């Protein structure tokens, strides 16, 4: 868990909520780009003329700042909101890369985590921009809050680093409980499947299904991303079934051979100590000679 990224989410997410809820308060023309360029160039030329006539450089700096602020104020609010969404997700990935690694994660695991975050950020940006840009959704206040709630829930996977590292387990607990051994052996894969089903693709699929099924909202991109979510959820469930069957076959094979199931994520020293202890017991058992039965002569009987 990364507290720095969690605090960054707390600082940025409420501002994006306010921007999305109060969306469309600023009027934008059909061709805002040309208007912005003309206005900015005109104001900039006026500021240059006024600055040449002024005595000091402070007036020139103030006039330039005013022109810059006026130019920024002419940009539409929708452009600002989309730019903040994109910058927000990029800073999450770059910030996680620049943060100290620590002792709980290796550089190999960090590279896997960053690649996973890049794909996750792209999916989250598509979900937010594609669903909130629909006109029927913008007219429904409840839908906006529901979509933003699911979007916020999906952002909670960024502070977590559980999808690339294995958790430790004790030999006694793993040998007695099958679920503990399964979680110990496939912890990274299981966390990845859980994040996809319950935090990202599963909630995205539910929201898009409600939009198409209940509110009768259809467009080409919505249908495409719904099919994509169905495919991802199906593949994740298939992978979960493959992992479970493989683990079951391994446990049955070892139980038939009489071997003790050992968690592969345990340290090598612990496994070597357990193996050496078993070998010592076998040597002691072999070293003790069997008791010879008293064979009395036949003549005595």
Foldseek 3Di string as FASTA:
>chain_A
DAVVLVVVCVVQLVVLLVCLLPDPPDDDDPCLPVVLVVQLVVQLVVLVVVCVPDDDCVSSVVSVVVSVVVSVVSDHSVVVSLVSLVVSLVCLLVVLVPDDPDDQDDPVLNVVLSVVSVVLSVQLSCQVVVVSPDPVQSVDSVSSVLSSVLSSQLSVCSSDSFLRDADDDDLVVVQPDVVVLLCRQCVNLVVVLCSLCPRNLVVSLVSLCCCCPPVVDDDDSSVVSNVVSVVVNVVSVVVVVVSVVVSVVVVVVCVVVVHGDGRPPDDPVVVVVVVVVVVVVVVVVVPDDDDDDDDDDPVVD
